Amino acid sequence: DETAKASKVKGVFDSVASKYDIMNDLMSMGLHRAWKAYTVA
């Protein structure tokens, strides 16, 4: 249900918040930094 999605997404990010940055580096092999740098440019 549409009304349930926001709370489910909240649960995901509540769970990953403390490890979010290190997981980004591991998942993307550091590429997320280049993607963001390009966005800033």
Full PDB file with SEQRES, HELIX, SHEET, SSBOND, CRYST1, ORIGX, SCALE, CONECT and MASTER records, all heavy atoms in Angstrom:
SEQRES   1 A   41  ASP GLU THR ALA LYS ALA SER LYS VAL LYS GLY VAL PHE          
SEQRES   2 A   41  ASP SER VAL ALA SER LYS TYR ASP ILE MET ASN ASP LEU          
SEQRES   3 A   41  MET SER MET GLY LEU HIS ARG ALA TRP LYS ALA TYR THR          
SEQRES   4 A   41  VAL ALA                                                      
HELIX    1 AA1 GLU A    2  VAL A   16  1                                  15    
HELIX    2 AA2 ALA A   17  LYS A   19  5                                   3    
HELIX    3 AA3 TYR A   20  SER A   28  1                                   9    
HELIX    4 AA4 LEU A   31  VAL A   40  1                                  10    
CRYST1    1.000    1.000    1.000  90.00  90.00  90.00 P 1           1          
ORIGX1      1.000000  0.000000  0.000000        0.00000                         
ORIGX2      0.000000  1.000000  0.000000        0.00000                         
ORIGX3      0.000000  0.000000  1.000000        0.00000                         
SCALE1      1.000000  0.000000  0.000000        0.00000                         
SCALE2      0.000000  1.000000  0.000000        0.00000                         
SCALE3      0.000000  0.000000  1.000000        0.00000                         
ATOM      1  N   ASP A   1       0.847  -1.191   0.000  1.00  0.00           N  
ATOM      2  CA  ASP A   1       0.000   0.000   0.000  1.00  0.00           C  
ATOM      3  C   ASP A   1       0.881   1.239   0.000  1.00  0.00           C  
ATOM      4  O   ASP A   1       1.925   1.279   0.669  1.00  0.00           O  
ATOM      5  CB  ASP A   1      -0.903   0.021   1.241  1.00  0.00           C  
ATOM      6  CG  ASP A   1      -1.991  -1.038   1.183  1.00  0.00           C  
ATOM      7  OD1 ASP A   1      -2.341  -1.456   0.064  1.00  0.00           O  
ATOM      8  OD2 ASP A   1      -2.483  -1.451   2.254  1.00  0.00           O  
ATOM      9  N   GLU A   2       0.440   2.265  -0.722  1.00  0.00           N  
ATOM     10  CA  GLU A   2       1.220   3.506  -0.783  1.00  0.00           C  
ATOM     11  C   GLU A   2       1.510   4.062   0.604  1.00  0.00           C  
ATOM     12  O   GLU A   2       2.577   4.603   0.860  1.00  0.00           O  
ATOM     13  CB  GLU A   2       0.474   4.555  -1.614  1.00  0.00           C  
ATOM     14  CG  GLU A   2       0.540   4.321  -3.111  1.00  0.00           C  
ATOM     15  CD  GLU A   2      -0.046   5.476  -3.886  1.00  0.00           C  
ATOM     16  OE1 GLU A   2      -0.739   6.323  -3.268  1.00  0.00           O  
ATOM     17  OE2 GLU A   2       0.187   5.546  -5.104  1.00  0.00           O  
ATOM     18  N   THR A   3       0.535   3.941   1.497  1.00  0.00           N  
ATOM     19  CA  THR A   3       0.693   4.504   2.843  1.00  0.00           C  
ATOM     20  C   THR A   3       1.756   3.772   3.658  1.00  0.00           C  
ATOM     21  O   THR A   3       2.247   4.308   4.653  1.00  0.00           O  
ATOM     22  CB  THR A   3      -0.641   4.455   3.600  1.00  0.00           C  
ATOM     23  OG1 THR A   3      -1.132   3.105   3.591  1.00  0.00           O  
ATOM     24  CG2 THR A   3      -1.665   5.367   2.946  1.00  0.00           C  
ATOM     25  N   ALA A   4       2.114   2.570   3.239  1.00  0.00           N  
ATOM     26  CA  ALA A   4       3.084   1.782   3.996  1.00  0.00           C  
ATOM     27  C   ALA A   4       4.516   1.977   3.516  1.00  0.00           C  
ATOM     28  O   ALA A   4       5.465   1.670   4.244  1.00  0.00           O  
ATOM     29  CB  ALA A   4       2.733   0.300   3.911  1.00  0.00           C  
ATOM     30  N   LYS A   5       4.688   2.482   2.298  1.00  0.00           N  
ATOM     31  CA  LYS A   5       6.038   2.529   1.733  1.00  0.00           C  
ATOM     32  C   LYS A   5       6.969   3.423   2.538  1.00  0.00           C  
ATOM     33  O   LYS A   5       8.112   3.038   2.819  1.00  0.00           O  
ATOM     34  CB  LYS A   5       6.006   2.997   0.275  1.00  0.00           C  
ATOM     35  CG  LYS A   5       7.423   3.058  -0.331  1.00  0.00           C  
ATOM     36  CD  LYS A   5       7.433   3.287  -1.810  1.00  0.00           C  
ATOM     37  CE  LYS A   5       8.854   3.353  -2.355  1.00  0.00           C  
ATOM     38  NZ  LYS A   5       8.918   3.468  -3.820  1.00  0.00           N  
ATOM     39  N   ALA A   6       6.513   4.606   2.906  1.00  0.00           N  
ATOM     40  CA  ALA A   6       7.388   5.545   3.611  1.00  0.00           C  
ATOM     41  C   ALA A   6       7.947   4.941   4.893  1.00  0.00           C  
ATOM     42  O   ALA A   6       9.142   5.100   5.199  1.00  0.00           O  
ATOM     43  CB  ALA A   6       6.649   6.841   3.910  1.00  0.00           C  
ATOM     44  N   SER A   7       7.109   4.233   5.642  1.00  0.00           N  
ATOM     45  CA  SER A   7       7.588   3.649   6.895  1.00  0.00           C  
ATOM     46  C   SER A   7       8.567   2.510   6.634  1.00  0.00           C  
ATOM     47  O   SER A   7       9.520   2.305   7.397  1.00  0.00           O  
ATOM     48  CB  SER A   7       6.417   3.165   7.745  1.00  0.00           C  
ATOM     49  OG  SER A   7       5.714   2.120   7.098  1.00  0.00           O  
ATOM     50  N   LYS A   8       8.349   1.760   5.549  1.00  0.00           N  
ATOM     51  CA  LYS A   8       9.274   0.685   5.202  1.00  0.00           C  
ATOM     52  C   LYS A   8      10.631   1.240   4.778  1.00  0.00           C  
ATOM     53  O   LYS A   8      11.685   0.719   5.159  1.00  0.00           O  
ATOM     54  CB  LYS A   8       8.669  -0.183   4.098  1.00  0.00           C  
ATOM     55  CG  LYS A   8       7.536  -1.098   4.576  1.00  0.00           C  
ATOM     56  CD  LYS A   8       7.014  -1.959   3.431  1.00  0.00           C  
ATOM     57  CE  LYS A   8       6.001  -2.970   3.926  1.00  0.00           C  
ATOM     58  NZ  LYS A   8       6.642  -4.026   4.758  1.00  0.00           N  
ATOM     59  N   VAL A   9      10.605   2.312   3.972  1.00  0.00           N  
ATOM     60  CA  VAL A   9      11.861   2.953   3.568  1.00  0.00           C  
ATOM     61  C   VAL A   9      12.566   3.520   4.792  1.00  0.00           C  
ATOM     62  O   VAL A   9      13.792   3.432   4.927  1.00  0.00           O  
ATOM     63  CB  VAL A   9      11.596   4.048   2.515  1.00  0.00           C  
ATOM     64  CG1 VAL A   9      12.865   4.857   2.257  1.00  0.00           C  
ATOM     65  CG2 VAL A   9      11.112   3.423   1.209  1.00  0.00           C  
ATOM     66  N   LYS A  10      11.792   4.118   5.700  1.00  0.00           N  
ATOM     67  CA  LYS A  10      12.372   4.645   6.936  1.00  0.00           C  
ATOM     68  C   LYS A  10      13.104   3.544   7.698  1.00  0.00           C  
ATOM     69  O   LYS A  10      14.208   3.763   8.207  1.00  0.00           O  
ATOM     70  CB  LYS A  10      11.284   5.254   7.815  1.00  0.00           C  
ATOM     71  CG  LYS A  10      11.791   5.817   9.148  1.00  0.00           C  
ATOM     72  CD  LYS A  10      10.654   6.415   9.958  1.00  0.00           C  
ATOM     73  CE  LYS A  10      11.192   7.043  11.249  1.00  0.00           C  
ATOM     74  NZ  LYS A  10      11.862   6.086  12.144  1.00  0.00           N  
ATOM     75  N   GLY A  11      12.496   2.365   7.764  1.00  0.00           N  
ATOM     76  CA  GLY A  11      13.132   1.258   8.455  1.00  0.00           C  
ATOM     77  C   GLY A  11      14.463   0.875   7.843  1.00  0.00           C  
ATOM     78  O   GLY A  11      15.432   0.586   8.562  1.00  0.00           O  
ATOM     79  N   VAL A  12      14.525   0.897   6.515  1.00  0.00           N  
ATOM     80  CA  VAL A  12      15.780   0.586   5.820  1.00  0.00           C  
ATOM     81  C   VAL A  12      16.869   1.564   6.221  1.00  0.00           C  
ATOM     82  O   VAL A  12      17.984   1.181   6.605  1.00  0.00           O  
ATOM     83  CB  VAL A  12      15.576   0.598   4.292  1.00  0.00           C  
ATOM     84  CG1 VAL A  12      16.927   0.546   3.576  1.00  0.00           C  
ATOM     85  CG2 VAL A  12      14.703  -0.571   3.860  1.00  0.00           C  
ATOM     86  N   PHE A  13      16.564   2.864   6.147  1.00  0.00           N  
ATOM     87  CA  PHE A  13      17.608   3.856   6.378  1.00  0.00           C  
ATOM     88  C   PHE A  13      17.898   4.075   7.859  1.00  0.00           C  
ATOM     89  O   PHE A  13      19.014   4.478   8.212  1.00  0.00           O  
ATOM     90  CB  PHE A  13      17.270   5.151   5.641  1.00  0.00           C  
ATOM     91  CG  PHE A  13      17.495   5.025   4.165  1.00  0.00           C  
ATOM     92  CD1 PHE A  13      16.456   4.696   3.311  1.00  0.00           C  
ATOM     93  CD2 PHE A  13      18.761   5.181   3.628  1.00  0.00           C  
ATOM     94  CE1 PHE A  13      16.666   4.537   1.946  1.00  0.00           C  
ATOM     95  CE2 PHE A  13      18.987   5.026   2.269  1.00  0.00           C  
ATOM     96  CZ  PHE A  13      17.940   4.700   1.424  1.00  0.00           C  
ATOM     97  N   ASP A  14      16.933   3.807   8.729  1.00  0.00           N  
ATOM     98  CA  ASP A  14      17.249   3.773  10.153  1.00  0.00           C  
ATOM     99  C   ASP A  14      18.304   2.701  10.418  1.00  0.00           C  
ATOM    100  O   ASP A  14      19.213   2.884  11.225  1.00  0.00           O  
ATOM    101  CB  ASP A  14      15.996   3.443  10.976  1.00  0.00           C  
ATOM    102  CG  ASP A  14      15.063   4.632  11.134  1.00  0.00           C  
ATOM    103  OD1 ASP A  14      15.470   5.761  10.796  1.00  0.00           O  
ATOM    104  OD2 ASP A  14      13.919   4.428  11.595  1.00  0.00           O  
ATOM    105  N   SER A  15      18.167   1.580   9.725  1.00  0.00           N  
ATOM    106  CA  SER A  15      19.067   0.447   9.935  1.00  0.00           C  
ATOM    107  C   SER A  15      20.470   0.716   9.411  1.00  0.00           C  
ATOM    108  O   SER A  15      21.459   0.309  10.036  1.00  0.00           O  
ATOM    109  CB  SER A  15      18.491  -0.806   9.264  1.00  0.00           C  
ATOM    110  OG  SER A  15      19.390  -1.885   9.344  1.00  0.00           O  
ATOM    111  N   VAL A  16      20.574   1.403   8.268  1.00  0.00           N  
ATOM    112  CA  VAL A  16      21.889   1.527   7.608  1.00  0.00           C  
ATOM    113  C   VAL A  16      22.601   2.833   7.900  1.00  0.00           C  
ATOM    114  O   VAL A  16      23.756   2.997   7.509  1.00  0.00           O  
ATOM    115  CB  VAL A  16      21.750   1.359   6.075  1.00  0.00           C  
ATOM    116  CG1 VAL A  16      21.080   0.029   5.740  1.00  0.00           C  
ATOM    117  CG2 VAL A  16      20.983   2.521   5.440  1.00  0.00           C  
ATOM    118  N   ALA A  17      21.956   3.779   8.581  1.00  0.00           N  
ATOM    119  CA  ALA A  17      22.516   5.132   8.732  1.00  0.00           C  
ATOM    120  C   ALA A  17      23.936   5.135   9.288  1.00  0.00           C  
ATOM    121  O   ALA A  17      24.820   5.832   8.774  1.00  0.00           O  
ATOM    122  CB  ALA A  17      21.599   5.988   9.605  1.00  0.00           C  
ATOM    123  N   SER A  18      24.177   4.362  10.344  1.00  0.00           N  
ATOM    124  CA  SER A  18      25.490   4.420  11.002  1.00  0.00           C  
ATOM    125  C   SER A  18      26.612   3.850  10.145  1.00  0.00           C  
ATOM    126  O   SER A  18      27.782   4.183  10.342  1.00  0.00           O  
ATOM    127  CB  SER A  18      25.436   3.679  12.342  1.00  0.00           C  
ATOM    128  OG  SER A  18      25.175   2.299  12.134  1.00  0.00           O  
ATOM    129  N   LYS A  19      26.272   2.989   9.185  1.00  0.00           N  
ATOM    130  CA  LYS A  19      27.286   2.372   8.335  1.00  0.00           C  
ATOM    131  C   LYS A  19      27.176   2.846   6.885  1.00  0.00           C  
ATOM    132  O   LYS A  19      27.826   2.286   5.997  1.00  0.00           O  
ATOM    133  CB  LYS A  19      27.139   0.844   8.366  1.00  0.00           C  
ATOM    134  CG  LYS A  19      27.324   0.216   9.739  1.00  0.00           C  
ATOM    135  CD  LYS A  19      28.776   0.277  10.187  1.00  0.00           C  
ATOM    136  CE  LYS A  19      28.985  -0.480  11.478  1.00  0.00           C  
ATOM    137  NZ  LYS A  19      30.393  -0.434  11.932  1.00  0.00           N  
ATOM    138  N   TYR A  20      26.380   3.878   6.660  1.00  0.00           N  
ATOM    139  CA  TYR A  20      26.053   4.273   5.294  1.00  0.00           C  
ATOM    140  C   TYR A  20      27.291   4.655   4.478  1.00  0.00           C  
ATOM    141  O   TYR A  20      27.454   4.227   3.337  1.00  0.00           O  
ATOM    142  CB  TYR A  20      25.070   5.445   5.327  1.00  0.00           C  
ATOM    143  CG  TYR A  20      24.506   5.827   3.982  1.00  0.00           C  
ATOM    144  CD1 TYR A  20      23.498   5.064   3.391  1.00  0.00           C  
ATOM    145  CD2 TYR A  20      24.958   6.942   3.295  1.00  0.00           C  
ATOM    146  CE1 TYR A  20      22.967   5.400   2.161  1.00  0.00           C  
ATOM    147  CE2 TYR A  20      24.433   7.289   2.063  1.00  0.00           C  
ATOM    148  CZ  TYR A  20      23.446   6.526   1.498  1.00  0.00           C  
ATOM    149  OH  TYR A  20      22.925   6.864   0.283  1.00  0.00           O  
ATOM    150  N   ASP A  21      28.176   5.436   5.073  1.00  0.00           N  
ATOM    151  CA  ASP A  21      29.329   5.932   4.317  1.00  0.00           C  
ATOM    152  C   ASP A  21      30.321   4.821   3.977  1.00  0.00           C  
ATOM    153  O   ASP A  21      30.789   4.721   2.847  1.00  0.00           O  
ATOM    154  CB  ASP A  21      30.029   7.055   5.090  1.00  0.00           C  
ATOM    155  CG  ASP A  21      29.179   8.311   5.154  1.00  0.00           C  
ATOM    156  OD1 ASP A  21      28.572   8.653   4.125  1.00  0.00           O  
ATOM    157  OD2 ASP A  21      29.114   8.936   6.222  1.00  0.00           O  
ATOM    158  N   ILE A  22      30.628   3.986   4.957  1.00  0.00           N  
ATOM    159  CA  ILE A  22      31.570   2.901   4.669  1.00  0.00           C  
ATOM    160  C   ILE A  22      30.967   1.906   3.690  1.00  0.00           C  
ATOM    161  O   ILE A  22      31.654   1.381   2.808  1.00  0.00           O  
ATOM    162  CB  ILE A  22      32.013   2.194   5.968  1.00  0.00           C  
ATOM    163  CG1 ILE A  22      33.151   1.214   5.654  1.00  0.00           C  
ATOM    164  CG2 ILE A  22      30.857   1.477   6.650  1.00  0.00           C  
ATOM    165  CD1 ILE A  22      33.813   0.644   6.896  1.00  0.00           C  
ATOM    166  N   MET A  23      29.646   1.697   3.776  1.00  0.00           N  
ATOM    167  CA  MET A  23      28.998   0.803   2.823  1.00  0.00           C  
ATOM    168  C   MET A  23      29.012   1.392   1.416  1.00  0.00           C  
ATOM    169  O   MET A  23      29.169   0.664   0.428  1.00  0.00           O  
ATOM    170  CB  MET A  23      27.570   0.498   3.266  1.00  0.00           C  
ATOM    171  CG  MET A  23      27.465  -0.541   4.368  1.00  0.00           C  
ATOM    172  SD  MET A  23      28.100  -2.175   3.876  1.00  0.00           S  
ATOM    173  CE  MET A  23      26.973  -2.602   2.539  1.00  0.00           C  
ATOM    174  N   ASN A  24      28.853   2.697   1.294  1.00  0.00           N  
ATOM    175  CA  ASN A  24      28.928   3.330  -0.025  1.00  0.00           C  
ATOM    176  C   ASN A  24      30.290   3.079  -0.666  1.00  0.00           C  
ATOM    177  O   ASN A  24      30.383   2.783  -1.867  1.00  0.00           O  
ATOM    178  CB  ASN A  24      28.681   4.839   0.085  1.00  0.00           C  
ATOM    179  CG  ASN A  24      27.216   5.191   0.051  1.00  0.00           C  
ATOM    180  OD1 ASN A  24      26.369   4.354  -0.232  1.00  0.00           O  
ATOM    181  ND2 ASN A  24      26.904   6.439   0.352  1.00  0.00           N  
ATOM    182  N   ASP A  25      31.336   3.221   0.125  1.00  0.00           N  
ATOM    183  CA  ASP A  25      32.678   2.979  -0.412  1.00  0.00           C  
ATOM    184  C   ASP A  25      32.848   1.519  -0.834  1.00  0.00           C  
ATOM    185  O   ASP A  25      33.399   1.230  -1.900  1.00  0.00           O  
ATOM    186  CB  ASP A  25      33.734   3.347   0.639  1.00  0.00           C  
ATOM    187  CG  ASP A  25      34.020   4.833   0.689  1.00  0.00           C  
ATOM    188  OD1 ASP A  25      33.935   5.487  -0.377  1.00  0.00           O  
ATOM    189  OD2 ASP A  25      34.320   5.354   1.770  1.00  0.00           O  
ATOM    190  N   LEU A  26      32.376   0.607  -0.005  1.00  0.00           N  
ATOM    191  CA  LEU A  26      32.522  -0.814  -0.325  1.00  0.00           C  
ATOM    192  C   LEU A  26      31.654  -1.213  -1.521  1.00  0.00           C  
ATOM    193  O   LEU A  26      32.123  -1.923  -2.424  1.00  0.00           O  
ATOM    194  CB  LEU A  26      32.149  -1.654   0.894  1.00  0.00           C  
ATOM    195  CG  LEU A  26      33.107  -1.581   2.083  1.00  0.00           C  
ATOM    196  CD1 LEU A  26      32.512  -2.292   3.286  1.00  0.00           C  
ATOM    197  CD2 LEU A  26      34.461  -2.183   1.724  1.00  0.00           C  
ATOM    198  N   MET A  27      30.396  -0.775  -1.531  1.00  0.00           N  
ATOM    199  CA  MET A  27      29.465  -1.177  -2.597  1.00  0.00           C  
ATOM    200  C   MET A  27      29.910  -0.693  -3.959  1.00  0.00           C  
ATOM    201  O   MET A  27      29.804  -1.400  -4.956  1.00  0.00           O  
ATOM    202  CB  MET A  27      28.059  -0.639  -2.309  1.00  0.00           C  
ATOM    203  CG  MET A  27      27.336  -1.322  -1.179  1.00  0.00           C  
ATOM    204  SD  MET A  27      25.613  -0.772  -1.061  1.00  0.00           S  
ATOM    205  CE  MET A  27      25.799   0.996  -0.852  1.00  0.00           C  
ATOM    206  N   SER A  28      30.391   0.555  -3.998  1.00  0.00           N  
ATOM    207  CA  SER A  28      30.729   1.158  -5.291  1.00  0.00           C  
ATOM    208  C   SER A  28      32.219   1.097  -5.592  1.00  0.00           C  
ATOM    209  O   SER A  28      32.654   1.604  -6.623  1.00  0.00           O  
ATOM    210  CB  SER A  28      30.278   2.622  -5.319  1.00  0.00           C  
ATOM    211  OG  SER A  28      31.090   3.420  -4.466  1.00  0.00           O  
ATOM    212  N   MET A  29      32.990   0.487  -4.672  1.00  0.00           N  
ATOM    213  CA  MET A  29      34.454   0.462  -4.799  1.00  0.00           C  
ATOM    214  C   MET A  29      35.000   1.879  -4.926  1.00  0.00           C  
ATOM    215  O   MET A  29      35.941   2.143  -5.677  1.00  0.00           O  
ATOM    216  CB  MET A  29      34.876  -0.418  -5.982  1.00  0.00           C  
ATOM    217  CG  MET A  29      34.561  -1.885  -5.761  1.00  0.00           C  
ATOM    218  SD  MET A  29      34.816  -2.943  -7.212  1.00  0.00           S  
ATOM    219  CE  MET A  29      33.341  -2.541  -8.162  1.00  0.00           C  
ATOM    220  N   GLY A  30      34.375   2.791  -4.196  1.00  0.00           N  
ATOM    221  CA  GLY A  30      34.809   4.188  -4.156  1.00  0.00           C  
ATOM    222  C   GLY A  30      34.289   5.052  -5.285  1.00  0.00           C  
ATOM    223  O   GLY A  30      34.497   6.265  -5.280  1.00  0.00           O  
ATOM    224  N   LEU A  31      33.596   4.452  -6.247  1.00  0.00           N  
ATOM    225  CA  LEU A  31      33.144   5.216  -7.410  1.00  0.00           C  
ATOM    226  C   LEU A  31      32.112   6.281  -7.067  1.00  0.00           C  
ATOM    227  O   LEU A  31      31.983   7.280  -7.790  1.00  0.00           O  
ATOM    228  CB  LEU A  31      32.565   4.272  -8.471  1.00  0.00           C  
ATOM    229  CG  LEU A  31      33.586   3.493  -9.302  1.00  0.00           C  
ATOM    230  CD1 LEU A  31      32.874   2.449 -10.159  1.00  0.00           C  
ATOM    231  CD2 LEU A  31      34.390   4.442 -10.184  1.00  0.00           C  
ATOM    232  N   HIS A  32      31.379   6.099  -5.959  1.00  0.00           N  
ATOM    233  CA  HIS A  32      30.366   7.108  -5.614  1.00  0.00           C  
ATOM    234  C   HIS A  32      31.008   8.479  -5.414  1.00  0.00           C  
ATOM    235  O   HIS A  32      30.361   9.511  -5.650  1.00  0.00           O  
ATOM    236  CB  HIS A  32      29.585   6.687  -4.359  1.00  0.00           C  
ATOM    237  CG  HIS A  32      30.318   6.869  -3.069  1.00  0.00           C  
ATOM    238  ND1 HIS A  32      30.096   7.935  -2.221  1.00  0.00           N  
ATOM    239  CD2 HIS A  32      31.272   6.109  -2.476  1.00  0.00           C  
ATOM    240  CE1 HIS A  32      30.879   7.831  -1.173  1.00  0.00           C  
ATOM    241  NE2 HIS A  32      31.600   6.738  -1.297  1.00  0.00           N  
ATOM    242  N   ARG A  33      32.264   8.506  -5.009  1.00  0.00           N  
ATOM    243  CA  ARG A  33      32.960   9.783  -4.825  1.00  0.00           C  
ATOM    244  C   ARG A  33      33.169  10.483  -6.170  1.00  0.00           C  
ATOM    245  O   ARG A  33      33.005  11.708  -6.280  1.00  0.00           O  
ATOM    246  CB  ARG A  33      34.300   9.561  -4.126  1.00  0.00           C  
ATOM    247  CG  ARG A  33      34.148   8.984  -2.727  1.00  0.00           C  
ATOM    248  CD  ARG A  33      35.499   8.673  -2.085  1.00  0.00           C  
ATOM    249  NE  ARG A  33      35.338   8.066  -0.781  1.00  0.00           N  
ATOM    250  CZ  ARG A  33      35.209   8.743   0.355  1.00  0.00           C  
ATOM    251  NH1 ARG A  33      35.247  10.073   0.338  1.00  0.00           N  
ATOM    252  NH2 ARG A  33      35.064   8.105   1.507  1.00  0.00           N  
ATOM    253  N   ALA A  34      33.512   9.713  -7.199  1.00  0.00           N  
ATOM    254  CA  ALA A  34      33.679  10.291  -8.537  1.00  0.00           C  
ATOM    255  C   ALA A  34      32.337  10.748  -9.099  1.00  0.00           C  
ATOM    256  O   ALA A  34      32.255  11.806  -9.730  1.00  0.00           O  
ATOM    257  CB  ALA A  34      34.337   9.272  -9.468  1.00  0.00           C  
ATOM    258  N   TRP A  35      31.271   9.966  -8.883  1.00  0.00           N  
ATOM    259  CA  TRP A  35      29.950  10.355  -9.373  1.00  0.00           C  
ATOM    260  C   TRP A  35      29.498  11.672  -8.735  1.00  0.00           C  
ATOM    261  O   TRP A  35      28.952  12.544  -9.416  1.00  0.00           O  
ATOM    262  CB  TRP A  35      28.928   9.260  -9.061  1.00  0.00           C  
ATOM    263  CG  TRP A  35      29.216   7.931  -9.671  1.00  0.00           C  
ATOM    264  CD1 TRP A  35      29.896   7.685 -10.838  1.00  0.00           C  
ATOM    265  CD2 TRP A  35      28.848   6.635  -9.153  1.00  0.00           C  
ATOM    266  NE1 TRP A  35      29.967   6.331 -11.076  1.00  0.00           N  
ATOM    267  CE2 TRP A  35      29.330   5.663 -10.064  1.00  0.00           C  
ATOM    268  CE3 TRP A  35      28.156   6.222  -8.017  1.00  0.00           C  
ATOM    269  CZ2 TRP A  35      29.136   4.295  -9.856  1.00  0.00           C  
ATOM    270  CZ3 TRP A  35      27.967   4.860  -7.806  1.00  0.00           C  
ATOM    271  CH2 TRP A  35      28.451   3.912  -8.730  1.00  0.00           C  
ATOM    272  N   LYS A  36      29.746  11.802  -7.457  1.00  0.00           N  
ATOM    273  CA  LYS A  36      29.345  13.030  -6.755  1.00  0.00           C  
ATOM    274  C   LYS A  36      30.225  14.200  -7.167  1.00  0.00           C  
ATOM    275  O   LYS A  36      29.738  15.327  -7.315  1.00  0.00           O  
ATOM    276  CB  LYS A  36      29.387  12.806  -5.246  1.00  0.00           C  
ATOM    277  CG  LYS A  36      28.300  11.850  -4.757  1.00  0.00           C  
ATOM    278  CD  LYS A  36      28.507  11.447  -3.298  1.00  0.00           C  
ATOM    279  CE  LYS A  36      27.464  10.437  -2.865  1.00  0.00           C  
ATOM    280  NZ  LYS A  36      27.735   9.887  -1.526  1.00  0.00           N  
ATOM    281  N   ALA A  37      31.512  13.951  -7.363  1.00  0.00           N  
ATOM    282  CA  ALA A  37      32.410  15.022  -7.798  1.00  0.00           C  
ATOM    283  C   ALA A  37      31.989  15.543  -9.174  1.00  0.00           C  
ATOM    284  O   ALA A  37      32.020  16.755  -9.438  1.00  0.00           O  
ATOM    285  CB  ALA A  37      33.856  14.527  -7.831  1.00  0.00           C  
ATOM    286  N   TYR A  38      31.582  14.630 -10.050  1.00  0.00           N  
ATOM    287  CA  TYR A  38      31.104  15.044 -11.369  1.00  0.00           C  
ATOM    288  C   TYR A  38      29.831  15.877 -11.236  1.00  0.00           C  
ATOM    289  O   TYR A  38      29.656  16.884 -11.933  1.00  0.00           O  
ATOM    290  CB  TYR A  38      30.844  13.816 -12.240  1.00  0.00           C  
ATOM    291  CG  TYR A  38      30.389  14.152 -13.642  1.00  0.00           C  
ATOM    292  CD1 TYR A  38      31.306  14.588 -14.601  1.00  0.00           C  
ATOM    293  CD2 TYR A  38      29.053  14.049 -14.013  1.00  0.00           C  
ATOM    294  CE1 TYR A  38      30.904  14.902 -15.886  1.00  0.00           C  
ATOM    295  CE2 TYR A  38      28.636  14.366 -15.294  1.00  0.00           C  
ATOM    296  CZ  TYR A  38      29.568  14.796 -16.225  1.00  0.00           C  
ATOM    297  OH  TYR A  38      29.156  15.130 -17.501  1.00  0.00           O  
ATOM    298  N   THR A  39      28.957  15.478 -10.334  1.00  0.00           N  
ATOM    299  CA  THR A  39      27.721  16.227 -10.104  1.00  0.00           C  
ATOM    300  C   THR A  39      28.018  17.642  -9.627  1.00  0.00           C  
ATOM    301  O   THR A  39      27.406  18.609 -10.091  1.00  0.00           O  
ATOM    302  CB  THR A  39      26.848  15.489  -9.067  1.00  0.00           C  
ATOM    303  OG1 THR A  39      26.539  14.180  -9.567  1.00  0.00           O  
ATOM    304  CG2 THR A  39      25.556  16.238  -8.786  1.00  0.00           C  
ATOM    305  N   VAL A  40      28.967  17.771  -8.730  1.00  0.00           N  
ATOM    306  CA  VAL A  40      29.353  19.099  -8.236  1.00  0.00           C  
ATOM    307  C   VAL A  40      29.936  19.941  -9.372  1.00  0.00           C  
ATOM    308  O   VAL A  40      29.657  21.143  -9.481  1.00  0.00           O  
ATOM    309  CB  VAL A  40      30.364  18.971  -7.075  1.00  0.00           C  
ATOM    310  CG1 VAL A  40      30.902  20.346  -6.663  1.00  0.00           C  
ATOM    311  CG2 VAL A  40      29.704  18.278  -5.884  1.00  0.00           C  
ATOM    312  N   ALA A  41      30.724  19.315 -10.234  1.00  0.00           N  
ATOM    313  CA  ALA A  41      31.293  20.054 -11.371  1.00  0.00           C  
ATOM    314  C   ALA A  41      30.198  20.530 -12.313  1.00  0.00           C  
ATOM    315  O   ALA A  41      30.220  21.678 -12.780  1.00  0.00           O  
ATOM    316  CB  ALA A  41      32.296  19.167 -12.112  1.00  0.00           C  
TER     317      ALA A  41                                                      
MASTER        0    0    0    4    0    0    0    6  316    1    0    4          
END                                                                             
